[in-house]
Each structure stands twice: as structure tokens, then as C-alpha cells.
């Protein structure tokens, strides 16, 4: 069971990372101050990632023969992060592709009814990027 420090320490760091942006979100910061607060936010985030990587990752390297059993280790956690990034980034790219292709397809279809099939192919190609990302994340999770 987790003790109180293990529960409150991550919450403390999350609040610490988000503190510089409170004034920006409320609209009380000037443009120059907002940029400074954003850079501070990014620096705090990477400092926390580096700190957690250095101090929590002491047992990352497994002994010989125990590599197959990575359940509950940092390696398994990084595998799940990789799967999440594969899905998230591919979905983001698919959204950008569809946002550009769908209005053009609607415009082409409104001018000529025969362009419907040709235009929808480009929209479907944009959605295919998201499907490929999901497939890659499924392959990553199956290896864990």
C-alpha cells in the first residue's frame, strides 16, 4: 500500500508545474509576462521529468535473465508511454490532415457532383494515419 508521501509528492509537483500559468489563464498577465510564465512552466516540467528520471529510475537496468519479466518496472511504464504517444500523435496528425482535406472535399463536391469519390479518398487517407498509430500502439503493448 502506498504511504502518504507517495500520494502527495506527485500532486505537489503537478501543482508546482501549473502555478506559473494560473495568471495567464485568468487573463491578468501581459504578453511579455505570459511568455515568461510559459517558459517557466516548460522549464519546471522538464526539470521534474529529469528529476524523476534520475531518482526513480535507479532500478531500470535488470539483471541478466530477468529481462523477460518487466512487469511493474520502469521499462514497462516507458512502453506504455510509447504506446500512448504513438496513438496520441498519430491522432493529432490525422486531425490536422482531415481539417485540411474535408473542407476542400466539400468545396469540390459542391462544384461538381462527380468529385465526391475522389475527394473522400483524401479524407480517408488522413484517417488512415490514426489507424496506423493505433496498430503500432497495439504492437507495442503486445510486446510488454
C-alpha atoms as a PDB file:
ATOM      1  CA  UNK A   1       0.000   0.000   0.000  1.00  0.00           C
ATOM      2  CA  UNK A   2       1.189   3.500  -0.770  1.00  0.00           C
ATOM      3  CA  UNK A   3       2.054   5.826   2.061  1.00  0.00           C
ATOM      4  CA  UNK A   4       1.001   9.455   2.306  1.00  0.00           C
ATOM      5  CA  UNK A   5       4.272  10.803   0.864  1.00  0.00           C
ATOM      6  CA  UNK A   6       3.906   8.683  -2.279  1.00  0.00           C
ATOM      7  CA  UNK A   7       0.422  10.099  -2.780  1.00  0.00           C
ATOM      8  CA  UNK A   8       1.092  13.756  -2.041  1.00  0.00           C
ATOM      9  CA  UNK A   9       4.504  14.199  -3.689  1.00  0.00           C
ATOM     10  CA  UNK A  10       3.282  13.795  -7.309  1.00  0.00           C
ATOM     11  CA  UNK A  11       0.304  16.044  -6.586  1.00  0.00           C
ATOM     12  CA  UNK A  12       2.673  18.666  -5.172  1.00  0.00           C
ATOM     13  CA  UNK A  13       4.816  18.592  -8.312  1.00  0.00           C
ATOM     14  CA  UNK A  14       1.768  18.846 -10.581  1.00  0.00           C
ATOM     15  CA  UNK A  15       0.590  21.931  -8.686  1.00  0.00           C
ATOM     16  CA  UNK A  16       4.124  23.348  -8.763  1.00  0.00           C
ATOM     17  CA  UNK A  17       4.300  22.920 -12.535  1.00  0.00           C
ATOM     18  CA  UNK A  18       0.881  24.522 -13.104  1.00  0.00           C
ATOM     19  CA  UNK A  19       1.316  27.527 -10.787  1.00  0.00           C
ATOM     20  CA  UNK A  20       3.043  29.820 -13.329  1.00  0.00           C
ATOM     21  CA  UNK A  21       0.119  29.536 -15.742  1.00  0.00           C
ATOM     22  CA  UNK A  22      -2.718  30.492 -13.377  1.00  0.00           C
ATOM     23  CA  UNK A  23      -2.321  34.214 -14.034  1.00  0.00           C
ATOM     24  CA  UNK A  24      -2.154  33.559 -17.789  1.00  0.00           C
ATOM     25  CA  UNK A  25      -5.393  31.550 -17.818  1.00  0.00           C
ATOM     26  CA  UNK A  26      -7.239  34.191 -15.820  1.00  0.00           C
ATOM     27  CA  UNK A  27      -6.153  36.856 -18.329  1.00  0.00           C
ATOM     28  CA  UNK A  28      -4.287  39.009 -15.816  1.00  0.00           C
ATOM     29  CA  UNK A  29      -0.849  38.681 -17.406  1.00  0.00           C
ATOM     30  CA  UNK A  30       0.647  40.865 -20.109  1.00  0.00           C
ATOM     31  CA  UNK A  31       2.082  39.286 -23.259  1.00  0.00           C
ATOM     32  CA  UNK A  32       5.674  39.557 -22.029  1.00  0.00           C
ATOM     33  CA  UNK A  33       4.772  38.158 -18.622  1.00  0.00           C
ATOM     34  CA  UNK A  34       2.746  35.356 -20.233  1.00  0.00           C
ATOM     35  CA  UNK A  35       5.738  34.310 -22.346  1.00  0.00           C
ATOM     36  CA  UNK A  36       7.970  34.298 -19.268  1.00  0.00           C
ATOM     37  CA  UNK A  37       5.414  32.232 -17.352  1.00  0.00           C
ATOM     38  CA  UNK A  38       5.123  29.766 -20.234  1.00  0.00           C
ATOM     39  CA  UNK A  39       8.902  29.345 -20.378  1.00  0.00           C
ATOM     40  CA  UNK A  40       8.933  28.858 -16.605  1.00  0.00           C
ATOM     41  CA  UNK A  41       6.223  26.228 -16.939  1.00  0.00           C
ATOM     42  CA  UNK A  42       8.191  24.350 -19.604  1.00  0.00           C
ATOM     43  CA  UNK A  43      11.406  24.539 -17.562  1.00  0.00           C
ATOM     44  CA  UNK A  44       9.652  23.210 -14.439  1.00  0.00           C
ATOM     45  CA  UNK A  45       8.138  20.365 -16.439  1.00  0.00           C
ATOM     46  CA  UNK A  46      11.458  19.233 -17.877  1.00  0.00           C
ATOM     47  CA  UNK A  47      13.159  19.648 -14.501  1.00  0.00           C
ATOM     48  CA  UNK A  48      10.575  17.334 -12.934  1.00  0.00           C
ATOM     49  CA  UNK A  49      10.931  14.818 -15.760  1.00  0.00           C
ATOM     50  CA  UNK A  50      14.710  14.860 -15.364  1.00  0.00           C
ATOM     51  CA  UNK A  51      14.468  14.561 -11.597  1.00  0.00           C
ATOM     52  CA  UNK A  52      12.050  11.663 -11.730  1.00  0.00           C
ATOM     53  CA  UNK A  53      14.176  10.012 -14.392  1.00  0.00           C
ATOM     54  CA  UNK A  54      17.297  10.271 -12.251  1.00  0.00           C
ATOM     55  CA  UNK A  55      15.869   9.332  -8.878  1.00  0.00           C
ATOM     56  CA  UNK A  56      13.025   6.971  -9.751  1.00  0.00           C
ATOM     57  CA  UNK A  57      14.946   5.185 -12.477  1.00  0.00           C
ATOM     58  CA  UNK A  58      17.687   3.737 -10.310  1.00  0.00           C
ATOM     59  CA  UNK A  59      16.456   0.174 -10.869  1.00  0.00           C
ATOM     60  CA  UNK A  60      15.860   0.392 -14.612  1.00  0.00           C
ATOM     61  CA  UNK A  61      18.606  -1.966 -15.670  1.00  0.00           C
ATOM     62  CA  UNK A  62      17.569  -5.501 -14.874  1.00  0.00           C
ATOM     63  CA  UNK A  63      19.915  -8.356 -14.132  1.00  0.00           C
ATOM     64  CA  UNK A  64      20.652 -10.904 -16.827  1.00  0.00           C
ATOM     65  CA  UNK A  65      17.893 -13.454 -17.224  1.00  0.00           C
ATOM     66  CA  UNK A  66      15.173 -11.225 -15.807  1.00  0.00           C
ATOM     67  CA  UNK A  67      14.640  -9.070 -18.883  1.00  0.00           C
ATOM     68  CA  UNK A  68      11.525 -11.020 -19.925  1.00  0.00           C
ATOM     69  CA  UNK A  69       9.802 -10.225 -16.637  1.00  0.00           C
ATOM     70  CA  UNK A  70       9.408  -6.446 -16.813  1.00  0.00           C
ATOM     71  CA  UNK A  71       6.068  -6.356 -15.043  1.00  0.00           C
ATOM     72  CA  UNK A  72       5.949  -3.421 -12.670  1.00  0.00           C
ATOM     73  CA  UNK A  73       9.230  -1.881 -13.762  1.00  0.00           C
ATOM     74  CA  UNK A  74      10.064   1.447 -15.322  1.00  0.00           C
ATOM     75  CA  UNK A  75      10.640  -0.302 -18.661  1.00  0.00           C
ATOM     76  CA  UNK A  76       7.006  -1.376 -18.754  1.00  0.00           C
ATOM     77  CA  UNK A  77       5.904   2.141 -17.877  1.00  0.00           C
ATOM     78  CA  UNK A  78       8.005   3.598 -20.675  1.00  0.00           C
ATOM     79  CA  UNK A  79       6.464   1.040 -23.041  1.00  0.00           C
ATOM     80  CA  UNK A  80       3.000   2.226 -22.107  1.00  0.00           C
ATOM     81  CA  UNK A  81       4.077   5.847 -22.579  1.00  0.00           C
ATOM     82  CA  UNK A  82       5.419   4.944 -26.034  1.00  0.00           C
ATOM     83  CA  UNK A  83       2.103   3.304 -26.938  1.00  0.00           C
ATOM     84  CA  UNK A  84       0.177   6.337 -25.717  1.00  0.00           C
ATOM     85  CA  UNK A  85       2.407   8.699 -27.682  1.00  0.00           C
ATOM     86  CA  UNK A  86       2.018   6.598 -30.838  1.00  0.00           C
ATOM     87  CA  UNK A  87      -1.756   6.780 -30.570  1.00  0.00           C
ATOM     88  CA  UNK A  88      -1.927  10.412 -29.482  1.00  0.00           C
ATOM     89  CA  UNK A  89       0.466  11.870 -32.007  1.00  0.00           C
ATOM     90  CA  UNK A  90      -0.982   9.900 -34.905  1.00  0.00           C
ATOM     91  CA  UNK A  91      -4.473  11.030 -33.931  1.00  0.00           C
ATOM     92  CA  UNK A  92      -3.259  14.613 -33.781  1.00  0.00           C
ATOM     93  CA  UNK A  93      -1.738  14.276 -37.241  1.00  0.00           C
ATOM     94  CA  UNK A  94      -4.926  12.696 -38.575  1.00  0.00           C
ATOM     95  CA  UNK A  95      -6.956  15.566 -37.158  1.00  0.00           C
ATOM     96  CA  UNK A  96      -4.757  18.096 -38.898  1.00  0.00           C
ATOM     97  CA  UNK A  97      -4.989  16.155 -42.172  1.00  0.00           C
ATOM     98  CA  UNK A  98      -8.769  15.842 -42.003  1.00  0.00           C
ATOM     99  CA  UNK A  99      -9.121  19.505 -41.030  1.00  0.00           C
ATOM    100  CA  UNK A 100      -7.372  20.439 -44.264  1.00  0.00           C
ATOM    101  CA  UNK A 101      -8.886  17.780 -46.556  1.00  0.00           C
ATOM    102  CA  UNK A 102     -12.546  17.761 -45.508  1.00  0.00           C
ATOM    103  CA  UNK A 103     -13.364  21.420 -46.349  1.00  0.00           C
ATOM    104  CA  UNK A 104     -11.611  21.039 -49.686  1.00  0.00           C
ATOM    105  CA  UNK A 105     -13.608  17.866 -50.362  1.00  0.00           C
ATOM    106  CA  UNK A 106     -16.868  19.614 -49.518  1.00  0.00           C
ATOM    107  CA  UNK A 107     -15.946  22.517 -51.808  1.00  0.00           C
ATOM    108  CA  UNK A 108     -15.065  20.166 -54.672  1.00  0.00           C
ATOM    109  CA  UNK A 109     -18.294  18.218 -54.194  1.00  0.00           C
ATOM    110  CA  UNK A 110     -20.390  21.375 -54.150  1.00  0.00           C
ATOM    111  CA  UNK A 111     -18.963  22.438 -57.522  1.00  0.00           C
ATOM    112  CA  UNK A 112     -19.263  19.061 -59.255  1.00  0.00           C
ATOM    113  CA  UNK A 113     -21.183  16.007 -58.012  1.00  0.00           C
ATOM    114  CA  UNK A 114     -18.771  13.624 -59.743  1.00  0.00           C
ATOM    115  CA  UNK A 115     -15.898  14.665 -57.455  1.00  0.00           C
ATOM    116  CA  UNK A 116     -17.369  13.002 -54.360  1.00  0.00           C
ATOM    117  CA  UNK A 117     -15.461   9.722 -54.600  1.00  0.00           C
ATOM    118  CA  UNK A 118     -12.164  11.355 -55.450  1.00  0.00           C
ATOM    119  CA  UNK A 119     -12.492  13.873 -52.632  1.00  0.00           C
ATOM    120  CA  UNK A 120     -13.428  11.330 -49.952  1.00  0.00           C
ATOM    121  CA  UNK A 121     -10.318   9.288 -50.711  1.00  0.00           C
ATOM    122  CA  UNK A 122      -8.144  12.123 -49.395  1.00  0.00           C
ATOM    123  CA  UNK A 123     -10.210  12.391 -46.220  1.00  0.00           C
ATOM    124  CA  UNK A 124      -9.921   8.631 -45.693  1.00  0.00           C
ATOM    125  CA  UNK A 125      -6.149   8.787 -46.178  1.00  0.00           C
ATOM    126  CA  UNK A 126      -5.944  11.295 -43.344  1.00  0.00           C
ATOM    127  CA  UNK A 127      -7.919   8.969 -41.080  1.00  0.00           C
ATOM    128  CA  UNK A 128      -5.612   6.116 -42.024  1.00  0.00           C
ATOM    129  CA  UNK A 129      -2.787   7.825 -40.171  1.00  0.00           C
ATOM    130  CA  UNK A 130      -4.694   7.447 -36.894  1.00  0.00           C
ATOM    131  CA  UNK A 131      -5.385   3.791 -37.592  1.00  0.00           C
ATOM    132  CA  UNK A 132      -1.685   3.145 -38.198  1.00  0.00           C
ATOM    133  CA  UNK A 133      -0.856   4.773 -34.866  1.00  0.00           C
ATOM    134  CA  UNK A 134      -3.355   2.577 -33.053  1.00  0.00           C
ATOM    135  CA  UNK A 135      -1.902  -0.503 -34.727  1.00  0.00           C
ATOM    136  CA  UNK A 136       1.624   0.455 -33.661  1.00  0.00           C
ATOM    137  CA  UNK A 137       0.481   1.003 -30.076  1.00  0.00           C
ATOM    138  CA  UNK A 138      -1.240  -2.399 -30.075  1.00  0.00           C
ATOM    139  CA  UNK A 139       2.003  -3.993 -31.260  1.00  0.00           C
ATOM    140  CA  UNK A 140       3.948  -2.190 -28.515  1.00  0.00           C
ATOM    141  CA  UNK A 141       1.514  -3.280 -25.806  1.00  0.00           C
ATOM    142  CA  UNK A 142       1.593  -6.890 -27.036  1.00  0.00           C
ATOM    143  CA  UNK A 143       5.367  -6.933 -26.508  1.00  0.00           C
ATOM    144  CA  UNK A 144       5.023  -5.831 -22.868  1.00  0.00           C
END
